[in-house]
Amino acid sequence: MTLAGKTLFVTGASRGIGLAIALRAARDGANIAIAAKTADPHPKLEGTIYSAASAIEAAGGSPLPLIVDVRDEASVLAAVEQTVAKFGGIDICVNNASAIQLTGTLQTDMKRYDLMHQINTRGTFLTSKACIPHLKRAANPHVLNLSPPLDMKPQWFGSHVAYTMAKFGMSMCVLGMAEEFRGDGIAFNALWPRTGVATAAIRNALAGDEGMLMCRTPAIMADAAYWIFNQPAKSCTSNFFIDDVVLYAAGERDFDKYRVDPTKPLMPDFFVPDDQPLPPGVTLAPAL
């Protein structure tokens, strides 16, 4: 498997899971369009599009840092055109940019509601739409949304309906576009982590520094995404993948290497359906 010479357009690639996916592809010599908002250092968020570009180049890839707001159609269209002008096309689109706020209906102000839906659902739709004409010309085109399986159990809605709707909107893009563009041979899939992943969202919005210790590293999502990108697009589409299920099927057996702290139990993530059991031998309990 290799992504050598492939071009990835990755939203939110300046840090976290988006950057990890970009770096995994860069190790093969891939071209990476870093489509993110952070151009200047942020007091609470590590990384900028320029620090990501340096890391991608050091890993063996060819970076293109782009200041992109996925809420802005002109910004997205211009970034896609710059990517095509520099690299000659787009092979893979990764919709990773996301916003989160886990609040109930009365506690969710409409400004935050709009932000989540504009970035998560609308941003995914817009970015996919902008990339599709170029993906149609690619040899093995993939779109991957970092979004959950469409599990309609009330437990996923009752505590934070606004956020759930925004994330499920990304997943509905997978469901609809996979069918719409099946004849064009473009794969549309979703990937979601079974556990918390050590990112700024966990530290700042959910569980703080202690919660970070109960997570897996972004590398597990990057390795799972890498496997997906290397599958035949025509036959690997319309899937809602869970990270460790993907990697177990691909032959991985050492999941403890992805733990931030092997002595801590792993924090289960939201939205993982009951019909996605842990792979054999894999546990959320402390590894030691």
C-alpha atoms as a PDB file:
ATOM      1  CA  MET A   1       0.000   0.000   0.000  1.00  0.00           C
ATOM      2  CA  THR A   2       1.254   3.476  -0.796  1.00  0.00           C
ATOM      3  CA  LEU A   3      -0.016   7.015  -1.231  1.00  0.00           C
ATOM      4  CA  ALA A   4       3.117   8.146  -3.065  1.00  0.00           C
ATOM      5  CA  GLY A   5       2.273  10.974  -5.435  1.00  0.00           C
ATOM      6  CA  LYS A   6      -1.345  11.205  -4.240  1.00  0.00           C
ATOM      7  CA  THR A   7      -2.817  14.580  -3.344  1.00  0.00           C
ATOM      8  CA  LEU A   8      -4.875  14.951  -0.163  1.00  0.00           C
ATOM      9  CA  PHE A   9      -7.064  17.947   0.647  1.00  0.00           C
ATOM     10  CA  VAL A  10      -7.451  17.877   4.438  1.00  0.00           C
ATOM     11  CA  THR A  11      -9.591  20.332   6.407  1.00  0.00           C
ATOM     12  CA  GLY A  12      -8.504  21.094   9.949  1.00  0.00           C
ATOM     13  CA  ALA A  13      -5.051  19.697   9.204  1.00  0.00           C
ATOM     14  CA  SER A  14      -3.066  22.084  11.381  1.00  0.00           C
ATOM     15  CA  ARG A  15      -3.360  19.825  14.450  1.00  0.00           C
ATOM     16  CA  GLY A  16      -4.888  16.710  15.955  1.00  0.00           C
ATOM     17  CA  ILE A  17      -6.410  13.953  13.853  1.00  0.00           C
ATOM     18  CA  GLY A  18      -6.245  15.955  10.631  1.00  0.00           C
ATOM     19  CA  LEU A  19      -2.516  16.517  11.013  1.00  0.00           C
ATOM     20  CA  ALA A  20      -1.934  12.878  11.989  1.00  0.00           C
ATOM     21  CA  ILE A  21      -3.687  11.693   8.815  1.00  0.00           C
ATOM     22  CA  ALA A  22      -1.640  14.145   6.767  1.00  0.00           C
ATOM     23  CA  LEU A  23       1.633  13.011   8.332  1.00  0.00           C
ATOM     24  CA  ARG A  24       0.853   9.335   7.733  1.00  0.00           C
ATOM     25  CA  ALA A  25       0.295  10.061   4.036  1.00  0.00           C
ATOM     26  CA  ALA A  26       3.373  12.298   3.931  1.00  0.00           C
ATOM     27  CA  ARG A  27       5.561   9.353   4.930  1.00  0.00           C
ATOM     28  CA  ASP A  28       4.737   7.866   1.517  1.00  0.00           C
ATOM     29  CA  GLY A  29       5.610  11.098  -0.265  1.00  0.00           C
ATOM     30  CA  ALA A  30       2.052  12.374  -0.691  1.00  0.00           C
ATOM     31  CA  ASN A  31       1.057  15.960  -1.462  1.00  0.00           C
ATOM     32  CA  ILE A  32      -0.968  17.584   1.332  1.00  0.00           C
ATOM     33  CA  ALA A  33      -3.184  20.648   1.073  1.00  0.00           C
ATOM     34  CA  ILE A  34      -3.461  21.900   4.663  1.00  0.00           C
ATOM     35  CA  ALA A  35      -6.846  23.631   4.697  1.00  0.00           C
ATOM     36  CA  ALA A  36      -7.259  25.263   8.107  1.00  0.00           C
ATOM     37  CA  LYS A  37      -7.907  28.615   9.785  1.00  0.00           C
ATOM     38  CA  THR A  38      -4.959  28.883  12.170  1.00  0.00           C
ATOM     39  CA  ALA A  39      -2.205  30.945  10.589  1.00  0.00           C
ATOM     40  CA  ASP A  40      -0.962  32.558  13.820  1.00  0.00           C
ATOM     41  CA  PRO A  41      -0.206  30.738  17.098  1.00  0.00           C
ATOM     42  CA  HIS A  42      -3.242  30.333  19.349  1.00  0.00           C
ATOM     43  CA  PRO A  43      -2.976  30.440  23.169  1.00  0.00           C
ATOM     44  CA  LYS A  44      -5.066  27.285  23.660  1.00  0.00           C
ATOM     45  CA  LEU A  45      -4.482  25.394  20.416  1.00  0.00           C
ATOM     46  CA  GLU A  46      -1.189  23.921  19.288  1.00  0.00           C
ATOM     47  CA  GLY A  47      -0.063  24.278  15.707  1.00  0.00           C
ATOM     48  CA  THR A  48      -0.654  26.445  12.660  1.00  0.00           C
ATOM     49  CA  ILE A  49      -0.864  25.675   8.966  1.00  0.00           C
ATOM     50  CA  TYR A  50       2.808  26.619   8.743  1.00  0.00           C
ATOM     51  CA  SER A  51       4.025  24.387  11.574  1.00  0.00           C
ATOM     52  CA  ALA A  52       1.975  21.587  10.022  1.00  0.00           C
ATOM     53  CA  ALA A  53       3.638  22.250   6.665  1.00  0.00           C
ATOM     54  CA  SER A  54       7.084  21.978   8.263  1.00  0.00           C
ATOM     55  CA  ALA A  55       6.162  18.668   9.910  1.00  0.00           C
ATOM     56  CA  ILE A  56       4.702  17.281   6.679  1.00  0.00           C
ATOM     57  CA  GLU A  57       7.804  18.260   4.726  1.00  0.00           C
ATOM     58  CA  ALA A  58      10.047  16.663   7.369  1.00  0.00           C
ATOM     59  CA  ALA A  59       7.985  13.460   7.084  1.00  0.00           C
ATOM     60  CA  GLY A  60       8.607  13.301   3.335  1.00  0.00           C
ATOM     61  CA  GLY A  61       5.508  14.969   1.943  1.00  0.00           C
ATOM     62  CA  SER A  62       4.908  18.078  -0.150  1.00  0.00           C
ATOM     63  CA  PRO A  63       2.760  20.569   1.799  1.00  0.00           C
ATOM     64  CA  LEU A  64       0.589  23.440   0.648  1.00  0.00           C
ATOM     65  CA  PRO A  65      -0.553  25.554   3.629  1.00  0.00           C
ATOM     66  CA  LEU A  66      -3.853  27.292   2.905  1.00  0.00           C
ATOM     67  CA  ILE A  67      -5.833  29.644   5.134  1.00  0.00           C
ATOM     68  CA  VAL A  68      -9.352  28.252   4.764  1.00  0.00           C
ATOM     69  CA  ASP A  69     -12.638  28.864   6.557  1.00  0.00           C
ATOM     70  CA  VAL A  70     -14.894  25.960   5.564  1.00  0.00           C
ATOM     71  CA  ARG A  71     -17.926  28.182   6.258  1.00  0.00           C
ATOM     72  CA  ASP A  72     -16.895  30.470   3.395  1.00  0.00           C
ATOM     73  CA  GLU A  73     -17.645  29.142  -0.094  1.00  0.00           C
ATOM     74  CA  ALA A  74     -15.181  31.452  -1.837  1.00  0.00           C
ATOM     75  CA  SER A  75     -12.432  30.432   0.585  1.00  0.00           C
ATOM     76  CA  VAL A  76     -12.981  26.720  -0.032  1.00  0.00           C
ATOM     77  CA  LEU A  77     -13.257  27.051  -3.817  1.00  0.00           C
ATOM     78  CA  ALA A  78     -10.087  29.142  -3.992  1.00  0.00           C
ATOM     79  CA  ALA A  79      -8.177  26.615  -1.857  1.00  0.00           C
ATOM     80  CA  VAL A  80      -9.280  23.711  -4.043  1.00  0.00           C
ATOM     81  CA  GLU A  81      -8.199  25.567  -7.174  1.00  0.00           C
ATOM     82  CA  GLN A  82      -4.816  26.410  -5.651  1.00  0.00           C
ATOM     83  CA  THR A  83      -4.349  22.739  -4.753  1.00  0.00           C
ATOM     84  CA  VAL A  84      -5.137  21.609  -8.291  1.00  0.00           C
ATOM     85  CA  ALA A  85      -2.891  24.298  -9.764  1.00  0.00           C
ATOM     86  CA  LYS A  86       0.058  23.193  -7.624  1.00  0.00           C
ATOM     87  CA  PHE A  87      -0.359  19.408  -7.637  1.00  0.00           C
ATOM     88  CA  GLY A  88      -2.395  18.741 -10.790  1.00  0.00           C
ATOM     89  CA  GLY A  89      -5.473  17.272  -9.146  1.00  0.00           C
ATOM     90  CA  ILE A  90      -7.004  15.874  -5.964  1.00  0.00           C
ATOM     91  CA  ASP A  91      -7.133  12.180  -5.079  1.00  0.00           C
ATOM     92  CA  ILE A  92      -8.441  12.259  -1.514  1.00  0.00           C
ATOM     93  CA  CYS A  93     -10.663  14.678   0.399  1.00  0.00           C
ATOM     94  CA  VAL A  94     -10.668  14.477   4.212  1.00  0.00           C
ATOM     95  CA  ASN A  95     -13.450  16.340   6.004  1.00  0.00           C
ATOM     96  CA  ASN A  96     -11.968  16.651   9.459  1.00  0.00           C
ATOM     97  CA  ALA A  97     -12.802  20.238  10.485  1.00  0.00           C
ATOM     98  CA  SER A  98     -15.361  20.223  13.267  1.00  0.00           C
ATOM     99  CA  ALA A  99     -16.817  22.243  16.141  1.00  0.00           C
ATOM    100  CA  ILE A 100     -18.174  20.836  19.401  1.00  0.00           C
ATOM    101  CA  GLN A 101     -20.297  21.969  22.330  1.00  0.00           C
ATOM    102  CA  LEU A 102     -21.992  19.366  24.490  1.00  0.00           C
ATOM    103  CA  THR A 103     -24.935  21.356  25.805  1.00  0.00           C
ATOM    104  CA  GLY A 104     -28.669  20.792  25.999  1.00  0.00           C
ATOM    105  CA  THR A 105     -31.233  22.753  24.046  1.00  0.00           C
ATOM    106  CA  LEU A 106     -31.733  25.571  26.569  1.00  0.00           C
ATOM    107  CA  GLN A 107     -28.010  25.943  27.177  1.00  0.00           C
ATOM    108  CA  THR A 108     -27.071  26.157  23.480  1.00  0.00           C
ATOM    109  CA  ASP A 109     -27.020  29.708  22.157  1.00  0.00           C
ATOM    110  CA  MET A 110     -27.868  30.045  18.499  1.00  0.00           C
ATOM    111  CA  LYS A 111     -24.473  31.495  17.604  1.00  0.00           C
ATOM    112  CA  ARG A 112     -22.833  28.258  18.747  1.00  0.00           C
ATOM    113  CA  TYR A 113     -25.569  26.181  17.088  1.00  0.00           C
ATOM    114  CA  ASP A 114     -24.876  27.953  13.802  1.00  0.00           C
ATOM    115  CA  LEU A 115     -21.117  27.507  14.193  1.00  0.00           C
ATOM    116  CA  MET A 116     -21.415  23.738  14.668  1.00  0.00           C
ATOM    117  CA  HIS A 117     -23.742  23.292  11.726  1.00  0.00           C
ATOM    118  CA  GLN A 118     -21.802  25.637   9.452  1.00  0.00           C
ATOM    119  CA  ILE A 119     -18.477  23.894  10.114  1.00  0.00           C
ATOM    120  CA  ASN A 120     -19.584  20.290  10.545  1.00  0.00           C
ATOM    121  CA  THR A 121     -22.469  19.698   8.156  1.00  0.00           C
ATOM    122  CA  ARG A 122     -22.294  22.628   5.746  1.00  0.00           C
ATOM    123  CA  GLY A 123     -18.492  22.681   5.647  1.00  0.00           C
ATOM    124  CA  THR A 124     -18.375  18.986   4.831  1.00  0.00           C
ATOM    125  CA  PHE A 125     -20.981  19.341   2.105  1.00  0.00           C
ATOM    126  CA  LEU A 126     -19.235  22.376   0.601  1.00  0.00           C
ATOM    127  CA  THR A 127     -15.723  20.913   0.682  1.00  0.00           C
ATOM    128  CA  SER A 128     -16.897  17.639  -0.824  1.00  0.00           C
ATOM    129  CA  LYS A 129     -18.814  19.498  -3.533  1.00  0.00           C
ATOM    130  CA  ALA A 130     -15.744  21.561  -4.429  1.00  0.00           C
ATOM    131  CA  CYS A 131     -13.480  18.498  -4.624  1.00  0.00           C
ATOM    132  CA  ILE A 132     -15.815  16.115  -6.484  1.00  0.00           C
ATOM    133  CA  PRO A 133     -15.174  17.454 -10.029  1.00  0.00           C
ATOM    134  CA  HIS A 134     -11.463  16.795  -9.503  1.00  0.00           C
ATOM    135  CA  LEU A 135     -11.997  13.474  -7.731  1.00  0.00           C
ATOM    136  CA  LYS A 136     -13.899  12.259 -10.796  1.00  0.00           C
ATOM    137  CA  ARG A 137     -10.616  12.420 -12.697  1.00  0.00           C
ATOM    138  CA  ALA A 138      -8.552  10.613 -10.035  1.00  0.00           C
ATOM    139  CA  ALA A 139      -7.481   6.972 -10.337  1.00  0.00           C
ATOM    140  CA  ASN A 140      -8.739   5.851  -6.907  1.00  0.00           C
ATOM    141  CA  PRO A 141     -10.724   8.742  -5.405  1.00  0.00           C
ATOM    142  CA  HIS A 142     -11.757   8.780  -1.740  1.00  0.00           C
ATOM    143  CA  VAL A 143     -13.711  11.136   0.492  1.00  0.00           C
ATOM    144  CA  LEU A 144     -13.421  10.449   4.210  1.00  0.00           C
ATOM    145  CA  ASN A 145     -15.560  12.232   6.798  1.00  0.00           C
ATOM    146  CA  LEU A 146     -14.537  12.132  10.439  1.00  0.00           C
ATOM    147  CA  SER A 147     -18.066  11.436  11.612  1.00  0.00           C
ATOM    148  CA  PRO A 148     -19.994   8.720  13.466  1.00  0.00           C
ATOM    149  CA  PRO A 149     -22.222   5.830  12.412  1.00  0.00           C
ATOM    150  CA  LEU A 150     -25.863   6.833  11.973  1.00  0.00           C
ATOM    151  CA  ASP A 151     -27.194   5.225  15.146  1.00  0.00           C
ATOM    152  CA  MET A 152     -30.611   6.729  15.927  1.00  0.00           C
ATOM    153  CA  LYS A 153     -30.744   5.781  19.619  1.00  0.00           C
ATOM    154  CA  PRO A 154     -32.142   8.632  21.768  1.00  0.00           C
ATOM    155  CA  GLN A 155     -29.154   8.393  24.120  1.00  0.00           C
ATOM    156  CA  TRP A 156     -26.983  10.115  21.521  1.00  0.00           C
ATOM    157  CA  PHE A 157     -29.426  13.016  21.164  1.00  0.00           C
ATOM    158  CA  GLY A 158     -30.879  13.744  24.595  1.00  0.00           C
ATOM    159  CA  SER A 159     -27.896  15.472  26.177  1.00  0.00           C
ATOM    160  CA  HIS A 160     -26.541  17.454  23.205  1.00  0.00           C
ATOM    161  CA  VAL A 161     -28.990  17.399  20.318  1.00  0.00           C
ATOM    162  CA  ALA A 162     -27.414  20.374  18.499  1.00  0.00           C
ATOM    163  CA  TYR A 163     -23.960  18.755  18.353  1.00  0.00           C
ATOM    164  CA  THR A 164     -25.355  15.345  17.449  1.00  0.00           C
ATOM    165  CA  MET A 165     -27.352  16.811  14.576  1.00  0.00           C
ATOM    166  CA  ALA A 166     -24.248  18.594  13.265  1.00  0.00           C
ATOM    167  CA  LYS A 167     -22.079  15.448  13.367  1.00  0.00           C
ATOM    168  CA  PHE A 168     -24.809  13.212  11.948  1.00  0.00           C
ATOM    169  CA  GLY A 169     -25.174  15.738   9.127  1.00  0.00           C
ATOM    170  CA  MET A 170     -21.602  14.873   8.124  1.00  0.00           C
ATOM    171  CA  SER A 171     -22.540  11.188   8.173  1.00  0.00           C
ATOM    172  CA  MET A 172     -25.602  11.794   6.045  1.00  0.00           C
ATOM    173  CA  CYS A 173     -23.275  13.328   3.456  1.00  0.00           C
ATOM    174  CA  VAL A 174     -21.520   9.936   3.364  1.00  0.00           C
ATOM    175  CA  LEU A 175     -24.771   8.047   2.981  1.00  0.00           C
ATOM    176  CA  GLY A 176     -26.133  10.284   0.230  1.00  0.00           C
ATOM    177  CA  MET A 177     -22.992  11.062  -1.743  1.00  0.00           C
ATOM    178  CA  ALA A 178     -21.821   7.444  -1.762  1.00  0.00           C
ATOM    179  CA  GLU A 179     -24.997   6.553  -3.595  1.00  0.00           C
ATOM    180  CA  GLU A 180     -25.091   9.678  -5.772  1.00  0.00           C
ATOM    181  CA  PHE A 181     -21.528   9.232  -7.052  1.00  0.00           C
ATOM    182  CA  ARG A 182     -21.343   5.441  -7.053  1.00  0.00           C
ATOM    183  CA  GLY A 183     -21.281   5.449 -10.840  1.00  0.00           C
ATOM    184  CA  ASP A 184     -18.288   7.822 -10.824  1.00  0.00           C
ATOM    185  CA  GLY A 185     -16.288   5.422  -8.686  1.00  0.00           C
ATOM    186  CA  ILE A 186     -15.731   7.872  -5.824  1.00  0.00           C
ATOM    187  CA  ALA A 187     -15.635   6.287  -2.368  1.00  0.00           C
ATOM    188  CA  PHE A 188     -17.402   8.110   0.459  1.00  0.00           C
ATOM    189  CA  ASN A 189     -16.773   6.702   3.929  1.00  0.00           C
ATOM    190  CA  ALA A 190     -16.906   7.793   7.562  1.00  0.00           C
ATOM    191  CA  LEU A 191     -14.346   7.014  10.245  1.00  0.00           C
ATOM    192  CA  TRP A 192     -14.958   7.352  13.981  1.00  0.00           C
ATOM    193  CA  PRO A 193     -12.880   6.526  17.075  1.00  0.00           C
ATOM    194  CA  ARG A 194     -14.064   3.991  19.636  1.00  0.00           C
ATOM    195  CA  THR A 195     -12.360   5.930  22.429  1.00  0.00           C
ATOM    196  CA  GLY A 196     -11.448   9.497  23.125  1.00  0.00           C
ATOM    197  CA  VAL A 197      -8.522  10.689  21.019  1.00  0.00           C
ATOM    198  CA  ALA A 198      -5.943  12.977  22.598  1.00  0.00           C
ATOM    199  CA  THR A 199      -6.734  16.267  20.862  1.00  0.00           C
ATOM    200  CA  ALA A 200      -7.458  19.852  21.854  1.00  0.00           C
ATOM    201  CA  ALA A 201     -11.182  19.055  21.830  1.00  0.00           C
ATOM    202  CA  ILE A 202     -10.702  16.535  24.632  1.00  0.00           C
ATOM    203  CA  ARG A 203      -8.515  18.862  26.683  1.00  0.00           C
ATOM    204  CA  ASN A 204     -10.480  22.074  26.198  1.00  0.00           C
ATOM    205  CA  ALA A 205     -14.090  20.965  25.775  1.00  0.00           C
ATOM    206  CA  LEU A 206     -14.475  17.628  27.499  1.00  0.00           C
ATOM    207  CA  ALA A 207     -12.068  16.205  30.032  1.00  0.00           C
ATOM    208  CA  GLY A 208      -8.974  18.339  30.625  1.00  0.00           C
ATOM    209  CA  ASP A 209      -5.436  17.051  31.027  1.00  0.00           C
ATOM    210  CA  GLU A 210      -6.504  14.051  33.116  1.00  0.00           C
ATOM    211  CA  GLY A 211      -8.928  12.984  30.414  1.00  0.00           C
ATOM    212  CA  MET A 212      -6.135  13.121  27.835  1.00  0.00           C
ATOM    213  CA  LEU A 213      -4.414  10.281  29.696  1.00  0.00           C
ATOM    214  CA  MET A 214      -7.491   8.094  29.122  1.00  0.00           C
ATOM    215  CA  CYS A 215      -7.309   8.463  25.353  1.00  0.00           C
ATOM    216  CA  ARG A 216      -5.662   6.864  22.376  1.00  0.00           C
ATOM    217  CA  THR A 217      -3.319   8.927  20.237  1.00  0.00           C
ATOM    218  CA  PRO A 218      -4.369  10.393  16.873  1.00  0.00           C
ATOM    219  CA  ALA A 219      -2.117   7.791  15.230  1.00  0.00           C
ATOM    220  CA  ILE A 220      -4.859   5.159  15.486  1.00  0.00           C
ATOM    221  CA  MET A 221      -7.156   7.272  13.317  1.00  0.00           C
ATOM    222  CA  ALA A 222      -4.322   8.044  10.909  1.00  0.00           C
ATOM    223  CA  ASP A 223      -3.453   4.364  10.470  1.00  0.00           C
ATOM    224  CA  ALA A 224      -7.106   3.452   9.935  1.00  0.00           C
ATOM    225  CA  ALA A 225      -7.556   6.260   7.396  1.00  0.00           C
ATOM    226  CA  TYR A 226      -4.412   5.144   5.571  1.00  0.00           C
ATOM    227  CA  TRP A 227      -5.837   1.640   5.168  1.00  0.00           C
ATOM    228  CA  ILE A 228      -9.138   3.051   3.847  1.00  0.00           C
ATOM    229  CA  PHE A 229      -7.404   5.271   1.277  1.00  0.00           C
ATOM    230  CA  ASN A 230      -5.575   2.266  -0.122  1.00  0.00           C
ATOM    231  CA  GLN A 231      -8.754   0.253  -0.759  1.00  0.00           C
ATOM    232  CA  PRO A 232     -10.391   0.151  -4.213  1.00  0.00           C
ATOM    233  CA  ALA A 233     -12.776   3.102  -4.238  1.00  0.00           C
ATOM    234  CA  LYS A 234     -15.427   1.330  -6.301  1.00  0.00           C
ATOM    235  CA  SER A 235     -15.853  -1.476  -3.774  1.00  0.00           C
ATOM    236  CA  CYS A 236     -15.036   0.317  -0.507  1.00  0.00           C
ATOM    237  CA  THR A 237     -17.735   2.944  -0.156  1.00  0.00           C
ATOM    238  CA  SER A 238     -20.715   3.849   2.034  1.00  0.00           C
ATOM    239  CA  ASN A 239     -19.054   2.459   5.169  1.00  0.00           C
ATOM    240  CA  PHE A 240     -19.187   3.793   8.712  1.00  0.00           C
ATOM    241  CA  PHE A 241     -15.876   2.564  10.076  1.00  0.00           C
ATOM    242  CA  ILE A 242     -14.701   2.341  13.698  1.00  0.00           C
ATOM    243  CA  ASP A 243     -10.934   2.793  14.019  1.00  0.00           C
ATOM    244  CA  ASP A 244      -9.933  -0.387  15.869  1.00  0.00           C
ATOM    245  CA  VAL A 245     -12.320  -2.559  13.846  1.00  0.00           C
ATOM    246  CA  VAL A 246     -10.663  -1.322  10.646  1.00  0.00           C
ATOM    247  CA  LEU A 247      -7.158  -1.964  11.936  1.00  0.00           C
ATOM    248  CA  TYR A 248      -7.962  -5.386  13.386  1.00  0.00           C
ATOM    249  CA  ALA A 249      -9.355  -6.463  10.015  1.00  0.00           C
ATOM    250  CA  ALA A 250      -6.183  -5.097   8.423  1.00  0.00           C
ATOM    251  CA  GLY A 251      -4.041  -7.334  10.650  1.00  0.00           C
ATOM    252  CA  GLU A 252      -3.128  -5.028  13.550  1.00  0.00           C
ATOM    253  CA  ARG A 253      -2.987  -6.764  16.950  1.00  0.00           C
ATOM    254  CA  ASP A 254      -1.054  -4.320  19.143  1.00  0.00           C
ATOM    255  CA  PHE A 255      -3.553  -1.678  20.205  1.00  0.00           C
ATOM    256  CA  ASP A 256      -1.789  -0.774  23.438  1.00  0.00           C
ATOM    257  CA  LYS A 257       0.765   1.196  21.410  1.00  0.00           C
ATOM    258  CA  TYR A 258      -1.964   3.756  20.734  1.00  0.00           C
ATOM    259  CA  ARG A 259      -2.673   4.471  24.423  1.00  0.00           C
ATOM    260  CA  VAL A 260      -1.498   7.794  25.829  1.00  0.00           C
ATOM    261  CA  ASP A 261      -1.059   6.172  29.260  1.00  0.00           C
ATOM    262  CA  PRO A 262      -1.261   2.346  29.378  1.00  0.00           C
ATOM    263  CA  THR A 263      -1.994   2.438  33.127  1.00  0.00           C
ATOM    264  CA  LYS A 264      -5.292   4.291  32.604  1.00  0.00           C
ATOM    265  CA  PRO A 265      -8.631   2.884  31.397  1.00  0.00           C
ATOM    266  CA  LEU A 266      -9.717   4.145  28.000  1.00  0.00           C
ATOM    267  CA  MET A 267     -12.545   6.680  27.762  1.00  0.00           C
ATOM    268  CA  PRO A 268     -15.329   5.438  25.456  1.00  0.00           C
ATOM    269  CA  ASP A 269     -16.356   7.892  22.751  1.00  0.00           C
ATOM    270  CA  PHE A 270     -19.882   8.966  21.871  1.00  0.00           C
ATOM    271  CA  PHE A 271     -21.912   7.431  19.065  1.00  0.00           C
ATOM    272  CA  VAL A 272     -20.346   3.940  18.976  1.00  0.00           C
ATOM    273  CA  PRO A 273     -23.224   1.497  18.328  1.00  0.00           C
ATOM    274  CA  ASP A 274     -23.720  -1.694  20.305  1.00  0.00           C
ATOM    275  CA  ASP A 275     -23.250  -3.725  17.119  1.00  0.00           C
ATOM    276  CA  GLN A 276     -19.580  -2.617  16.954  1.00  0.00           C
ATOM    277  CA  PRO A 277     -18.026  -4.877  19.632  1.00  0.00           C
ATOM    278  CA  LEU A 278     -14.378  -4.655  20.593  1.00  0.00           C
ATOM    279  CA  PRO A 279     -12.094  -6.758  18.398  1.00  0.00           C
ATOM    280  CA  PRO A 280     -10.904 -10.004  20.026  1.00  0.00           C
ATOM    281  CA  GLY A 281      -8.294  -9.373  22.691  1.00  0.00           C
ATOM    282  CA  VAL A 282      -8.797  -5.597  22.689  1.00  0.00           C
ATOM    283  CA  THR A 283      -9.882  -3.998  25.968  1.00  0.00           C
ATOM    284  CA  LEU A 284     -10.678  -0.560  27.341  1.00  0.00           C
ATOM    285  CA  ALA A 285      -9.281  -1.528  30.753  1.00  0.00           C
ATOM    286  CA  PRO A 286      -5.746  -0.522  31.809  1.00  0.00           C
ATOM    287  CA  ALA A 287      -3.132  -2.341  29.769  1.00  0.00           C
ATOM    288  CA  LEU A 288      -0.822  -3.005  32.736  1.00  0.00           C
END
